[in-house]
């Protein structure tokens, strides 16, 4: 009798990993697997991993340890690791973890079906972590136009050439390549045709899209082409590197109606000395000038950012410079992290005498300042009527749906799931740290 095979997939990290996981789902369904929500129900457990921070990497090992008893109970269970930790560690993962069956890197998602089938048939342990050449990579960009989602990620580029001194991304994602604009636009049109209303263009550094090859349009021009696509109501993009944020791209926030008035612009530090040590390629003043231009062309734009606390050699003066920059820019939200050295990066070789307690104290001060600033932004929304693109049923239940404002803020309100895909006016009645509560006005 034919027995249905089942898989459980856990995803860590950035939007690129989310897109890779969507592709993994499609590939496994193509060889007879059905996705389940509990690891205990699975014949195959996969972790799609992140290595950007030490904490994220340690979390992966922790989860693998929790799955080991399932493997002990059922030796036929297949356990695999993909993503950035897999790319970073490679075959060493198999050496460290005797119960692990397969390891596949960031360039080898397409090989997963044959790897799974090899384990099924021959009980071999296998790994694939070789970087692919540019031509092959361009043929393997993920395309997924099925499904019923209102919003969708579209990959426009992969890899990074910046080699910031703290960052492992170039080492685990490879060098920068841009996907042909004709393919991107074709995918966007196909998505619009099946009901997608919001597109988020993603890549490690979307601002440098098209800059490394001849005959390709700029990222700003790509945005303009998508802005003219029938059916698409909103456009977002991430992630941006400040040094590559061109005047042409900044002007898009004033000229393109569908481009949301929000940008994630990682600054990492407010100190020129630390920015130079990080190899970021811009100064504090240059960053602030770009912020000023963004706010000039789009006065109601909101910015979010990434900040690293406790970079090797960071002094109290350096840290105070970061706090003052935060106070000047007034980010709507900040993703902040305590520095952790990553294998193979230049910063991992820097002398570092800052005590962990000092790092934590600075981190707590930064969080307190950002919470104060973010509270002001939240309070400013209270009572306002904001356009919300409805995405579906709310996690809150109770007959609520949810959507996002143009500032990417989640709003929950009473409504039917038939509203999905519509932009409706919602008055904000309560504000919370991670979302808003509102009431629909047009019914």
Protein backbone atom coordinates (compact mmCIF):
# COMPACT_ATOMS: atom_id res chain seq x y z
CA UNK A 1 0.00 0.00 0.00
CA UNK A 2 1.25 3.50 -0.88
CA UNK A 3 2.17 5.43 2.25
CA UNK A 4 2.07 9.20 2.14
CA UNK A 5 5.33 10.84 3.19
CA UNK A 6 5.29 13.87 5.45
CA UNK A 7 7.80 16.63 6.15
CA UNK A 8 8.27 19.31 8.79
CA UNK A 9 10.18 22.48 7.89
CA UNK A 10 11.51 25.06 10.32
CA UNK A 11 12.80 28.38 8.96
CA UNK A 12 15.20 30.76 10.69
CA UNK A 13 16.46 34.15 9.57
CA UNK A 14 15.76 36.61 6.79
CA UNK A 15 13.32 36.94 3.92
CA UNK A 16 15.76 35.17 1.63
CA UNK A 17 15.40 32.08 3.79
CA UNK A 18 11.61 32.43 3.69
CA UNK A 19 11.75 32.38 -0.12
CA UNK A 20 14.11 29.41 -0.07
CA UNK A 21 11.70 27.59 2.24
CA UNK A 22 8.81 28.23 -0.15
CA UNK A 23 10.92 26.60 -2.83
CA UNK A 24 11.75 23.68 -0.54
CA UNK A 25 8.04 23.08 0.02
CA UNK A 26 7.38 22.98 -3.73
CA UNK A 27 10.31 20.64 -4.36
CA UNK A 28 9.32 18.19 -1.65
CA UNK A 29 5.69 18.18 -2.73
CA UNK A 30 7.00 17.27 -6.18
CA UNK A 31 8.42 14.00 -4.81
CA UNK A 32 5.33 13.01 -2.85
CA UNK A 33 5.76 14.76 0.50
CA UNK A 34 3.04 16.63 2.40
CA UNK A 35 3.90 19.38 4.89
CA UNK A 36 2.86 18.92 8.54
CA UNK A 37 2.95 21.32 11.47
CA UNK A 38 4.34 18.97 14.13
CA UNK A 39 7.83 17.43 13.90
CA UNK A 40 6.59 14.30 15.61
CA UNK A 41 4.29 13.59 12.66
CA UNK A 42 7.06 13.83 10.04
CA UNK A 43 9.14 11.34 8.07
CA UNK A 44 11.51 14.17 7.14
CA UNK A 45 12.56 17.12 9.31
CA UNK A 46 14.44 20.03 7.74
CA UNK A 47 15.89 23.18 9.29
CA UNK A 48 16.56 26.14 6.99
CA UNK A 49 19.10 28.05 9.02
CA UNK A 50 20.62 31.48 9.69
CA UNK A 51 24.25 32.18 10.62
CA UNK A 52 24.21 35.99 10.81
CA UNK A 53 24.54 35.95 14.60
CA UNK A 54 25.99 33.48 17.04
CA UNK A 55 22.67 33.27 18.90
CA UNK A 56 20.86 32.22 15.72
CA UNK A 57 23.45 29.54 15.05
CA UNK A 58 23.27 28.19 18.60
CA UNK A 59 19.50 28.04 18.31
CA UNK A 60 19.87 25.68 15.34
CA UNK A 61 22.00 23.26 17.36
CA UNK A 62 19.49 23.45 20.18
CA UNK A 63 16.62 22.51 17.92
CA UNK A 64 18.58 19.66 16.36
CA UNK A 65 19.23 18.31 19.85
CA UNK A 66 15.51 18.31 20.56
CA UNK A 67 14.84 16.32 17.37
CA UNK A 68 17.41 13.65 18.21
CA UNK A 69 15.00 11.65 20.42
CA UNK A 70 12.60 11.43 17.47
CA UNK A 71 15.42 9.96 15.42
CA UNK A 72 16.26 7.53 18.23
CA UNK A 73 12.64 6.33 18.28
CA UNK A 74 12.41 6.12 14.49
CA UNK A 75 15.77 5.47 12.75
CA UNK A 76 14.05 5.83 9.36
CA UNK A 77 13.34 9.50 10.11
CA UNK A 78 15.41 11.76 7.84
CA UNK A 79 16.93 14.83 9.46
CA UNK A 80 18.51 17.57 7.36
CA UNK A 81 19.95 21.09 7.62
CA UNK A 82 20.02 23.75 4.91
CA UNK A 83 20.67 27.48 4.69
CA UNK A 84 23.53 29.58 6.01
CA UNK A 85 24.71 27.36 8.89
CA UNK A 86 24.81 24.45 6.46
CA UNK A 87 26.83 26.54 4.00
CA UNK A 88 29.19 27.68 6.73
CA UNK A 89 29.77 24.30 8.37
CA UNK A 90 29.35 21.92 5.42
CA UNK A 91 30.48 18.34 6.02
CA UNK A 92 31.58 19.25 9.55
CA UNK A 93 27.90 19.21 10.55
CA UNK A 94 27.72 15.53 9.64
CA UNK A 95 30.88 14.90 11.65
CA UNK A 96 29.54 16.74 14.69
CA UNK A 97 26.06 15.19 14.62
CA UNK A 98 26.00 11.47 13.94
CA UNK A 99 22.20 11.45 13.68
CA UNK A 100 22.11 14.05 10.88
CA UNK A 101 21.41 12.68 7.37
CA UNK A 102 21.89 15.55 4.92
CA UNK A 103 23.33 19.06 4.63
CA UNK A 104 22.58 21.41 1.72
CA UNK A 105 23.98 24.90 1.22
CA UNK A 106 22.46 28.16 -0.01
CA UNK A 107 23.28 27.42 -3.66
CA UNK A 108 22.02 23.83 -3.57
CA UNK A 109 18.32 23.95 -2.68
CA UNK A 110 17.51 22.56 -6.14
CA UNK A 111 19.43 19.36 -5.29
CA UNK A 112 17.29 18.59 -2.24
CA UNK A 113 14.91 16.07 -3.92
CA UNK A 114 17.73 13.86 -5.17
CA UNK A 115 19.48 14.09 -1.80
CA UNK A 116 16.33 13.04 0.05
CA UNK A 117 15.75 10.17 -2.35
CA UNK A 118 19.36 9.03 -1.94
CA UNK A 119 18.90 8.86 1.82
CA UNK A 120 15.58 7.04 1.40
CA UNK A 121 16.97 4.44 -1.00
CA UNK A 122 20.50 3.85 0.25
CA UNK A 123 20.58 5.35 3.76
CA UNK A 124 23.64 7.35 2.75
CA UNK A 125 24.57 10.58 4.48
CA UNK A 126 25.17 13.38 2.00
CA UNK A 127 26.10 17.04 1.74
CA UNK A 128 26.11 19.63 -1.06
CA UNK A 129 27.64 23.02 -0.25
CA UNK A 130 29.59 24.04 -3.35
CA UNK A 131 29.02 27.56 -4.64
CA UNK A 132 27.65 27.65 -8.19
CA UNK A 133 28.93 29.78 -11.05
CA UNK A 134 27.00 32.90 -12.03
CA UNK A 135 25.37 31.45 -15.15
CA UNK A 136 24.01 28.46 -13.25
CA UNK A 137 22.77 30.64 -10.40
CA UNK A 138 20.89 32.89 -12.80
CA UNK A 139 19.00 29.84 -14.06
CA UNK A 140 17.97 28.85 -10.54
CA UNK A 141 16.35 31.99 -9.16
CA UNK A 142 13.22 30.98 -7.24
CA UNK A 143 9.94 31.62 -9.06
CA UNK A 144 6.64 30.84 -7.35
CA UNK A 145 3.43 32.20 -8.86
CA UNK A 146 0.91 29.74 -7.38
CA UNK A 147 -0.95 30.16 -4.13
CA UNK A 148 -3.52 32.57 -2.73
CA UNK A 149 -1.39 35.08 -0.82
CA UNK A 150 -2.13 38.81 -1.06
CA UNK A 151 1.55 39.65 -0.55
CA UNK A 152 4.61 37.99 -2.01
CA UNK A 153 8.40 38.23 -1.91
CA UNK A 154 10.14 38.46 -5.29
CA UNK A 155 13.89 37.86 -5.37
CA UNK A 156 15.75 40.37 -7.55
CA UNK A 157 19.35 39.72 -6.55
CA UNK A 158 21.45 37.41 -4.42
CA UNK A 159 24.76 37.62 -2.61
CA UNK A 160 26.81 40.57 -1.45
CA UNK A 161 30.10 42.16 -2.46
CA UNK A 162 30.43 44.63 0.42
CA UNK A 163 32.27 42.44 2.94
CA UNK A 164 31.33 44.46 6.00
CA UNK A 165 33.86 43.37 8.59
CA UNK A 166 31.28 41.81 10.95
CA UNK A 167 29.09 40.10 8.33
CA UNK A 168 29.13 36.46 7.27
CA UNK A 169 26.67 36.91 4.37
CA UNK A 170 29.22 37.08 1.50
CA UNK A 171 30.80 33.91 2.88
CA UNK A 172 27.54 31.93 3.00
CA UNK A 173 25.51 33.51 0.18
CA UNK A 174 28.26 34.18 -2.34
CA UNK A 175 28.99 37.13 -4.58
CA UNK A 176 26.42 39.53 -5.91
CA UNK A 177 24.31 38.70 -8.98
CA UNK A 178 21.19 40.43 -10.31
CA UNK A 179 18.28 38.64 -11.87
CA UNK A 180 17.30 39.85 -15.38
CA UNK A 181 14.65 42.54 -15.12
CA UNK A 182 12.54 40.89 -17.84
CA UNK A 183 12.19 37.81 -15.62
CA UNK A 184 11.37 39.89 -12.54
CA UNK A 185 8.68 41.85 -14.37
CA UNK A 186 7.20 38.68 -15.88
CA UNK A 187 6.93 37.13 -12.41
CA UNK A 188 5.32 40.29 -11.00
CA UNK A 189 2.72 40.31 -13.79
CA UNK A 190 1.98 36.62 -13.19
CA UNK A 191 1.56 37.25 -9.47
CA UNK A 192 -0.76 40.18 -10.11
CA UNK A 193 -2.86 37.94 -12.35
CA UNK A 194 -3.47 35.47 -9.48
CA UNK A 195 -4.45 38.14 -6.97
CA UNK A 196 -1.20 39.31 -5.38
CA UNK A 197 -1.53 42.97 -4.50
CA UNK A 198 1.72 43.75 -2.67
CA UNK A 199 5.22 42.91 -3.87
CA UNK A 200 8.34 43.02 -1.71
CA UNK A 201 11.53 42.94 -3.76
CA UNK A 202 14.26 41.20 -1.79
CA UNK A 203 18.00 40.64 -1.89
CA UNK A 204 21.02 41.11 0.34
CA UNK A 205 21.55 44.59 -1.15
CA UNK A 206 18.75 45.50 -3.55
CA UNK A 207 20.13 49.04 -3.99
CA UNK A 208 22.99 47.69 -6.10
CA UNK A 209 20.63 45.76 -8.39
CA UNK A 210 21.81 45.89 -12.00
CA UNK A 211 25.06 47.69 -11.17
CA UNK A 212 27.42 44.76 -11.72
CA UNK A 213 26.44 43.87 -15.29
CA UNK A 214 26.01 45.63 -18.62
CA UNK A 215 22.71 46.38 -20.29
CA UNK A 216 20.47 46.10 -17.22
CA UNK A 217 18.16 48.75 -15.81
CA UNK A 218 18.73 50.35 -12.41
CA UNK A 219 16.78 49.36 -9.33
CA UNK A 220 14.92 52.68 -9.45
CA UNK A 221 13.85 51.94 -13.02
CA UNK A 222 12.75 48.44 -12.02
CA UNK A 223 10.56 49.97 -9.32
CA UNK A 224 9.03 52.33 -11.87
CA UNK A 225 8.19 49.42 -14.18
CA UNK A 226 6.49 47.55 -11.33
CA UNK A 227 4.67 50.72 -10.30
CA UNK A 228 3.06 50.69 -13.75
CA UNK A 229 1.93 47.05 -13.44
CA UNK A 230 -1.85 46.64 -13.34
CA UNK A 231 -3.14 44.85 -10.25
CA UNK A 232 -0.18 45.64 -8.00
CA UNK A 233 -1.23 48.12 -5.32
CA UNK A 234 1.87 48.35 -3.12
CA UNK A 235 5.63 47.90 -3.50
CA UNK A 236 8.24 47.42 -0.80
CA UNK A 237 11.89 46.37 -0.87
CA UNK A 238 14.57 45.12 1.48
CA UNK A 239 17.41 45.21 2.34
CA UNK A 240 19.16 48.47 1.48
CA UNK A 241 22.80 49.39 1.95
CA UNK A 242 23.07 53.14 2.63
CA UNK A 243 26.18 53.63 0.46
CA UNK A 244 24.23 52.37 -2.58
CA UNK A 245 21.08 54.41 -1.94
CA UNK A 246 21.20 56.63 -5.03
CA UNK A 247 19.47 59.96 -5.57
CA UNK A 248 17.48 58.29 -8.34
CA UNK A 249 16.19 55.70 -5.90
CA UNK A 250 15.45 58.27 -3.20
CA UNK A 251 13.39 60.25 -5.73
CA UNK A 252 11.18 57.18 -6.26
CA UNK A 253 9.65 57.79 -2.83
CA UNK A 254 8.30 61.06 -4.12
CA UNK A 255 7.26 59.98 -7.61
CA UNK A 256 5.96 56.39 -7.44
CA UNK A 257 2.44 56.15 -6.04
CA UNK A 258 2.61 52.45 -5.17
CA UNK A 259 5.97 52.55 -3.38
CA UNK A 260 5.24 52.44 0.35
CA UNK A 261 6.52 55.29 2.47
CA UNK A 262 8.78 53.11 4.57
CA UNK A 263 12.42 52.11 4.14
CA UNK A 264 14.64 49.81 6.16
CA UNK A 265 18.06 51.50 6.09
CA UNK A 266 20.57 49.74 8.37
CA UNK A 267 23.02 52.19 9.94
CA UNK A 268 24.77 49.76 12.37
CA UNK A 269 26.54 52.58 14.27
CA UNK A 270 26.47 56.35 14.66
CA UNK A 271 30.23 56.62 15.11
CA UNK A 272 32.44 57.42 12.11
CA UNK A 273 35.30 55.51 13.69
CA UNK A 274 33.23 52.35 14.14
CA UNK A 275 31.63 52.70 10.69
CA UNK A 276 35.11 52.75 9.18
CA UNK A 277 36.13 49.68 11.19
CA UNK A 278 32.96 47.99 10.00
CA UNK A 279 33.87 48.79 6.36
CA UNK A 280 30.45 50.29 5.78
CA UNK A 281 31.54 52.75 3.10
CA UNK A 282 29.75 55.85 4.40
CA UNK A 283 30.10 58.37 7.20
CA UNK A 284 27.56 59.49 9.75
CA UNK A 285 27.02 62.76 7.88
CA UNK A 286 26.57 60.96 4.55
CA UNK A 287 23.97 58.68 6.11
CA UNK A 288 22.10 61.60 7.66
CA UNK A 289 22.14 63.46 4.34
CA UNK A 290 20.40 60.51 2.68
CA UNK A 291 17.84 60.50 5.49
CA UNK A 292 17.29 64.23 4.98
CA UNK A 293 16.70 63.74 1.25
CA UNK A 294 14.27 60.88 1.91
CA UNK A 295 12.30 63.05 4.32
CA UNK A 296 12.30 65.92 1.82
CA UNK A 297 10.89 63.93 -1.11
CA UNK A 298 8.49 61.98 1.16
CA UNK A 299 7.73 63.96 4.34
CA UNK A 300 5.71 61.17 5.96
CA UNK A 301 8.27 58.41 5.33
CA UNK A 302 9.18 56.22 8.31
CA UNK A 303 12.56 54.58 8.68
CA UNK A 304 13.62 51.39 10.43
CA UNK A 305 17.18 50.25 10.95
CA UNK A 306 19.69 47.68 12.25
CA UNK A 307 22.18 48.59 14.97
CA UNK A 308 25.06 46.58 16.43
CA UNK A 309 26.00 47.26 20.05
CA UNK A 310 29.48 46.52 21.38
CA UNK A 311 31.48 46.19 18.17
CA UNK A 312 35.14 45.44 19.01
CA UNK A 313 36.81 48.62 20.26
CA UNK A 314 33.55 50.53 20.72
CA UNK A 315 34.04 53.23 23.37
CA UNK A 316 31.44 55.02 25.43
CA UNK A 317 31.87 58.00 23.07
CA UNK A 318 31.19 55.77 20.07
CA UNK A 319 28.08 54.39 21.70
CA UNK A 320 26.81 57.86 22.63
CA UNK A 321 27.20 58.80 18.95
CA UNK A 322 24.85 55.95 18.08
CA UNK A 323 22.29 57.11 20.63
CA UNK A 324 22.45 60.68 19.33
CA UNK A 325 21.92 59.49 15.75
CA UNK A 326 18.87 57.50 16.87
CA UNK A 327 17.48 60.60 18.55
CA UNK A 328 18.09 62.62 15.40
CA UNK A 329 16.60 60.17 12.89
CA UNK A 330 13.82 58.88 15.18
CA UNK A 331 13.37 55.41 13.75
CA UNK A 332 9.93 53.84 13.87
CA UNK A 333 11.63 50.58 14.83
CA UNK A 334 15.16 49.26 15.28
CA UNK A 335 16.48 45.71 15.12
CA UNK A 336 19.38 45.83 17.55
CA UNK A 337 21.93 43.15 18.33
CA UNK A 338 24.85 42.65 20.66
CA UNK A 339 27.94 42.02 18.55
CA UNK A 340 29.02 38.42 18.17
CA UNK A 341 32.08 37.36 16.12
CA UNK A 342 31.32 35.30 13.01
CA UNK A 343 33.74 32.79 11.46
CA UNK A 344 35.82 34.11 8.58
CA UNK A 345 34.97 37.77 9.07
CA UNK A 346 37.59 40.49 9.52
CA UNK A 347 36.06 41.75 12.77
CA UNK A 348 36.53 38.34 14.38
CA UNK A 349 40.28 39.04 14.35
CA UNK A 350 40.01 42.44 16.07
CA UNK A 351 41.13 42.84 19.69
CA UNK A 352 38.12 43.06 21.95
CA UNK A 353 38.31 43.96 25.64
CA UNK A 354 34.73 45.11 26.25
CA UNK A 355 33.18 43.11 29.07
CA UNK A 356 29.92 41.26 28.37
CA UNK A 357 28.22 43.18 31.18
CA UNK A 358 29.18 46.49 29.55
CA UNK A 359 27.78 45.32 26.22
CA UNK A 360 24.53 44.31 27.88
CA UNK A 361 24.24 47.62 29.73
CA UNK A 362 24.66 49.56 26.48
CA UNK A 363 22.17 47.30 24.75
CA UNK A 364 19.60 47.95 27.49
CA UNK A 365 20.12 51.71 27.19
CA UNK A 366 19.64 51.55 23.44
CA UNK A 367 16.44 49.52 23.82
CA UNK A 368 15.07 52.01 26.33
CA UNK A 369 15.72 54.96 24.02
CA UNK A 370 14.21 53.21 21.02
CA UNK A 371 11.11 52.22 22.98
CA UNK A 372 10.58 55.86 23.92
CA UNK A 373 10.88 56.95 20.27
CA UNK A 374 8.72 54.09 18.97
CA UNK A 375 6.03 54.89 21.54
CA UNK A 376 5.78 58.41 20.11
CA UNK A 377 5.25 56.97 16.63
CA UNK A 378 2.59 54.57 17.91
CA UNK A 379 0.79 57.28 19.84
CA UNK A 380 0.77 59.49 16.74
CA UNK A 381 -1.26 56.78 14.95
CA UNK A 382 -3.96 56.69 17.62
CA UNK A 383 -7.22 58.07 16.23
CA UNK A 384 -5.86 58.34 12.69
CA UNK A 385 -7.65 56.80 9.71
CA UNK A 386 -5.10 54.70 7.82
CA UNK A 387 -5.37 52.68 4.62
CA UNK A 388 -4.87 48.99 5.41
CA UNK A 389 -4.23 46.29 2.81
CA UNK A 390 -6.07 43.27 4.22
CA UNK A 391 -4.06 40.04 4.10
CA UNK A 392 -6.38 37.54 5.79
CA UNK A 393 -7.70 36.26 9.10
CA UNK A 394 -6.00 37.63 12.20
CA UNK A 395 -4.10 35.44 14.62
CA UNK A 396 -6.23 37.09 17.29
CA UNK A 397 -9.31 35.22 16.01
CA UNK A 398 -12.66 36.54 17.24
CA UNK A 399 -13.83 37.43 13.73
CA UNK A 400 -10.89 39.73 13.08
CA UNK A 401 -8.80 40.21 9.96
CA UNK A 402 -5.40 41.82 9.70
CA UNK A 403 -3.47 43.90 7.24
CA UNK A 404 -0.68 46.46 7.07
CA UNK A 405 -0.44 50.19 6.70
CA UNK A 406 1.87 51.75 4.13
CA UNK A 407 4.33 52.08 7.04
CA UNK A 408 4.29 48.27 7.39
CA UNK A 409 2.42 48.39 10.69
CA UNK A 410 0.08 45.45 11.41
CA UNK A 411 -3.53 46.40 12.14
CA UNK A 412 -6.20 43.99 13.43
CA UNK A 413 -9.90 44.84 13.10
CA UNK A 414 -13.32 43.19 12.86
CA UNK A 415 -14.03 41.95 9.36
CA UNK A 416 -14.59 39.03 7.04
CA UNK A 417 -11.80 37.20 5.21
CA UNK A 418 -13.51 38.19 1.94
CA UNK A 419 -11.81 41.56 2.46
CA UNK A 420 -8.42 39.98 1.68
CA UNK A 421 -6.72 41.89 -1.12
CA UNK A 422 -8.70 45.08 -0.54
CA UNK A 423 -7.39 48.37 0.83
CA UNK A 424 -9.82 49.67 3.43
CA UNK A 425 -9.80 52.75 5.71
CA UNK A 426 -9.37 51.83 9.37
CA UNK A 427 -9.48 54.16 12.37
CA UNK A 428 -6.81 53.22 14.91
CA UNK A 429 -8.47 52.74 18.30
CA UNK A 430 -5.65 51.15 20.34
CA UNK A 431 -1.91 50.93 19.85
CA UNK A 432 0.42 48.22 21.08
CA UNK A 433 4.11 47.51 20.75
CA UNK A 434 3.80 45.09 17.81
CA UNK A 435 0.44 45.94 16.25
CA UNK A 436 -2.58 48.25 16.25
CA UNK A 437 -6.28 47.64 16.81
CA UNK A 438 -8.78 49.50 14.66
CA UNK A 439 -12.31 49.79 13.31
CA UNK A 440 -13.25 49.74 9.63
CA UNK A 441 -14.98 52.89 8.41
CA UNK A 442 -16.40 52.00 4.96
CA UNK A 443 -19.25 49.70 5.96
